[in-house]
């Protein structure tokens, strides 16, 4: 939910490590220190906080609500009627959403960071973590860290170009059936 595209490797590693099949050893103070150093190198805490702050600012403007309902024809029709009022309403709803979710997302971010550190420390020895750190501090590793956001964006852009038309066509094809189901859930109120 609050992932930064440049940090897919640490998240993927953490996900794999957290799977039930992963045999975890006991963390040592040395492996915990090295794991903390690795997490800070790959995802500096200040950067993670800035990313979360940016997400919450976008949420406050109604970006999440707009994304969730943006393909709904009725939503688009209402938006077109009075764009300034519609945007103001989305911002009010987005602010409510950010106020409610912000503290939880901040707690999740802290917990995610701590769990990642703990899992790295249990999975890798201090020596293995030092070797991983050495790679990420090497010229090739430093380049990987710097370039990964651009690589991820390029892959996402290529996927968007390749699949956008198909996704849009599929959404349009299913939209009448979805609207029919929604009408069953929310039938029109009887006229008085």
Protein backbone atom coordinates (compact mmCIF):
# COMPACT_ATOMS: atom_id res chain seq x y z
CA UNK A 1 0.00 0.00 0.00
CA UNK A 2 2.75 2.46 0.85
CA UNK A 3 5.51 0.79 -1.16
CA UNK A 4 7.98 2.83 -3.08
CA UNK A 5 8.67 1.25 -6.48
CA UNK A 6 12.42 1.56 -5.97
CA UNK A 7 12.26 -0.66 -2.94
CA UNK A 8 10.74 -3.77 -4.50
CA UNK A 9 13.77 -5.96 -3.76
CA UNK A 10 13.73 -5.45 0.02
CA UNK A 11 9.97 -5.94 0.11
CA UNK A 12 10.19 -9.05 -2.06
CA UNK A 13 12.97 -10.39 0.14
CA UNK A 14 10.93 -9.68 3.26
CA UNK A 15 7.86 -11.35 1.76
CA UNK A 16 9.86 -14.43 0.84
CA UNK A 17 11.48 -14.48 4.23
CA UNK A 18 8.19 -14.15 6.04
CA UNK A 19 6.69 -17.13 4.26
CA UNK A 20 5.98 -20.10 6.50
CA UNK A 21 8.53 -22.22 4.65
CA UNK A 22 11.44 -19.96 5.55
CA UNK A 23 13.54 -21.53 8.29
CA UNK A 24 14.60 -18.69 10.55
CA UNK A 25 17.50 -18.76 12.96
CA UNK A 26 17.75 -16.74 16.12
CA UNK A 27 18.83 -13.12 15.57
CA UNK A 28 22.02 -12.02 17.24
CA UNK A 29 22.79 -8.47 18.33
CA UNK A 30 25.41 -8.33 15.58
CA UNK A 31 23.01 -9.54 12.87
CA UNK A 32 20.37 -7.10 14.16
CA UNK A 33 22.80 -4.17 13.85
CA UNK A 34 23.80 -5.24 10.33
CA UNK A 35 20.14 -5.74 9.34
CA UNK A 36 19.28 -2.26 10.64
CA UNK A 37 22.15 -0.84 8.63
CA UNK A 38 20.94 -2.65 5.49
CA UNK A 39 17.35 -1.45 5.86
CA UNK A 40 18.55 2.13 6.43
CA UNK A 41 20.81 1.92 3.38
CA UNK A 42 18.08 0.58 1.09
CA UNK A 43 15.20 2.64 2.45
CA UNK A 44 16.37 5.56 4.55
CA UNK A 45 13.84 6.36 7.25
CA UNK A 46 13.61 10.00 6.16
CA UNK A 47 12.83 8.91 2.60
CA UNK A 48 10.20 6.42 3.77
CA UNK A 49 8.55 9.15 5.85
CA UNK A 50 8.65 11.58 2.91
CA UNK A 51 7.01 8.94 0.68
CA UNK A 52 4.26 8.36 3.22
CA UNK A 53 3.74 12.11 3.63
CA UNK A 54 3.42 12.44 -0.17
CA UNK A 55 0.89 9.59 -0.28
CA UNK A 56 -1.17 11.17 2.47
CA UNK A 57 -1.07 14.56 0.72
CA UNK A 58 -2.35 12.92 -2.47
CA UNK A 59 -5.01 11.09 -0.46
CA UNK A 60 -6.06 14.43 1.09
CA UNK A 61 -6.77 15.75 -2.40
CA UNK A 62 -9.06 12.78 -3.10
CA UNK A 63 -6.67 10.81 -5.30
CA UNK A 64 -7.63 7.46 -3.73
CA UNK A 65 -11.35 8.06 -4.17
CA UNK A 66 -10.83 9.32 -7.72
CA UNK A 67 -8.78 6.20 -8.53
CA UNK A 68 -11.37 3.88 -7.01
CA UNK A 69 -14.32 5.40 -8.87
CA UNK A 70 -12.65 7.08 -11.85
CA UNK A 71 -13.91 4.51 -14.35
CA UNK A 72 -17.49 4.67 -13.12
CA UNK A 73 -19.60 6.49 -15.74
CA UNK A 74 -21.87 8.07 -13.13
CA UNK A 75 -18.85 9.33 -11.20
CA UNK A 76 -17.40 10.88 -14.37
CA UNK A 77 -20.76 12.41 -15.28
CA UNK A 78 -21.15 14.04 -11.86
CA UNK A 79 -17.56 15.28 -12.01
CA UNK A 80 -18.19 16.91 -15.38
CA UNK A 81 -21.23 18.82 -14.10
CA UNK A 82 -19.32 21.04 -11.68
CA UNK A 83 -15.63 20.21 -11.59
CA UNK A 84 -14.63 22.75 -8.87
CA UNK A 85 -17.36 21.63 -6.47
CA UNK A 86 -16.68 17.97 -7.25
CA UNK A 87 -12.94 18.41 -6.60
CA UNK A 88 -13.67 20.22 -3.33
CA UNK A 89 -15.93 17.37 -2.26
CA UNK A 90 -13.27 14.80 -3.16
CA UNK A 91 -10.72 16.78 -1.15
CA UNK A 92 -13.04 16.83 1.89
CA UNK A 93 -13.55 13.06 1.61
CA UNK A 94 -9.84 12.54 1.00
CA UNK A 95 -8.99 14.56 4.10
CA UNK A 96 -11.32 12.37 6.15
CA UNK A 97 -9.68 9.30 4.67
CA UNK A 98 -6.14 10.62 5.33
CA UNK A 99 -7.03 11.61 8.90
CA UNK A 100 -8.40 8.12 9.58
CA UNK A 101 -5.73 6.12 7.75
CA UNK A 102 -2.65 8.28 8.30
CA UNK A 103 -1.87 7.16 11.86
CA UNK A 104 -2.43 3.52 10.92
CA UNK A 105 -0.21 3.78 7.84
CA UNK A 106 2.51 5.45 9.93
CA UNK A 107 2.30 2.61 12.48
CA UNK A 108 2.37 0.07 9.64
CA UNK A 109 5.45 1.71 8.18
CA UNK A 110 7.26 1.55 11.52
CA UNK A 111 6.18 -2.07 12.06
CA UNK A 112 7.14 -3.04 8.51
CA UNK A 113 10.59 -1.56 8.97
CA UNK A 114 11.10 -3.32 12.31
CA UNK A 115 9.78 -6.66 11.02
CA UNK A 116 12.06 -6.42 7.99
CA UNK A 117 15.06 -5.79 10.25
CA UNK A 118 14.10 -8.68 12.53
CA UNK A 119 13.53 -11.04 9.63
CA UNK A 120 16.82 -10.14 7.92
CA UNK A 121 18.61 -10.60 11.26
CA UNK A 122 17.06 -14.04 11.74
CA UNK A 123 17.55 -15.16 8.15
CA UNK A 124 21.08 -13.97 7.46
CA UNK A 125 24.16 -14.17 9.62
CA UNK A 126 25.95 -10.96 10.50
CA UNK A 127 28.68 -11.95 8.03
CA UNK A 128 26.15 -12.50 5.22
CA UNK A 129 24.52 -9.16 5.98
CA UNK A 130 27.93 -7.46 5.84
CA UNK A 131 28.48 -9.05 2.41
CA UNK A 132 25.08 -7.78 1.22
CA UNK A 133 25.91 -4.33 2.59
CA UNK A 134 29.26 -4.46 0.80
CA UNK A 135 27.47 -5.10 -2.48
CA UNK A 136 25.05 -2.22 -2.01
CA UNK A 137 27.95 0.06 -1.07
CA UNK A 138 29.97 -1.03 -4.11
CA UNK A 139 29.73 1.05 -7.30
CA UNK A 140 27.43 -1.56 -8.88
CA UNK A 141 25.22 -1.80 -5.79
CA UNK A 142 25.05 1.97 -5.37
CA UNK A 143 24.06 2.26 -9.03
CA UNK A 144 21.38 -0.39 -8.51
CA UNK A 145 19.93 1.60 -5.60
CA UNK A 146 20.04 4.87 -7.62
CA UNK A 147 18.70 3.42 -10.88
CA UNK A 148 16.05 1.05 -9.53
CA UNK A 149 13.30 3.72 -9.37
CA UNK A 150 13.92 4.57 -13.03
CA UNK A 151 14.01 0.87 -14.02
CA UNK A 152 10.74 0.24 -12.18
CA UNK A 153 9.09 3.27 -13.81
CA UNK A 154 10.27 2.16 -17.24
CA UNK A 155 8.89 -1.35 -16.72
CA UNK A 156 5.59 0.07 -15.43
CA UNK A 157 5.36 2.49 -18.35
CA UNK A 158 5.98 -0.32 -20.84
CA UNK A 159 3.34 -2.50 -19.16
CA UNK A 160 0.88 0.40 -19.20
CA UNK A 161 1.46 0.95 -22.91
CA UNK A 162 1.20 -2.74 -23.66
CA UNK A 163 -1.91 -3.52 -21.61
CA UNK A 164 -3.84 -0.24 -21.17
CA UNK A 165 -6.04 -0.75 -24.23
CA UNK A 166 -6.91 -4.32 -23.25
CA UNK A 167 -7.66 -3.34 -19.66
CA UNK A 168 -9.85 -0.46 -20.76
CA UNK A 169 -11.73 -2.67 -23.24
CA UNK A 170 -12.28 -5.33 -20.59
CA UNK A 171 -13.55 -2.73 -18.12
CA UNK A 172 -15.94 -1.30 -20.71
CA UNK A 173 -17.18 -4.78 -21.60
CA UNK A 174 -17.97 -5.70 -18.00
CA UNK A 175 -19.28 -2.24 -16.97
CA UNK A 176 -22.94 -2.82 -18.00
CA UNK A 177 -23.09 -6.04 -15.99
CA UNK A 178 -21.46 -4.35 -12.98
CA UNK A 179 -23.95 -1.47 -13.24
CA UNK A 180 -26.81 -4.00 -13.40
CA UNK A 181 -25.54 -5.67 -10.23
CA UNK A 182 -25.16 -2.31 -8.52
CA UNK A 183 -28.73 -1.44 -9.50
CA UNK A 184 -29.90 -4.61 -7.73
CA UNK A 185 -28.04 -3.56 -4.60
CA UNK A 186 -29.23 0.05 -4.78
CA UNK A 187 -32.61 0.10 -6.48
CA UNK A 188 -34.06 3.51 -7.25
CA UNK A 189 -36.21 4.93 -4.50
CA UNK A 190 -39.92 4.96 -5.28
CA UNK A 191 -41.33 8.29 -6.42
CA UNK A 192 -43.59 10.09 -3.98
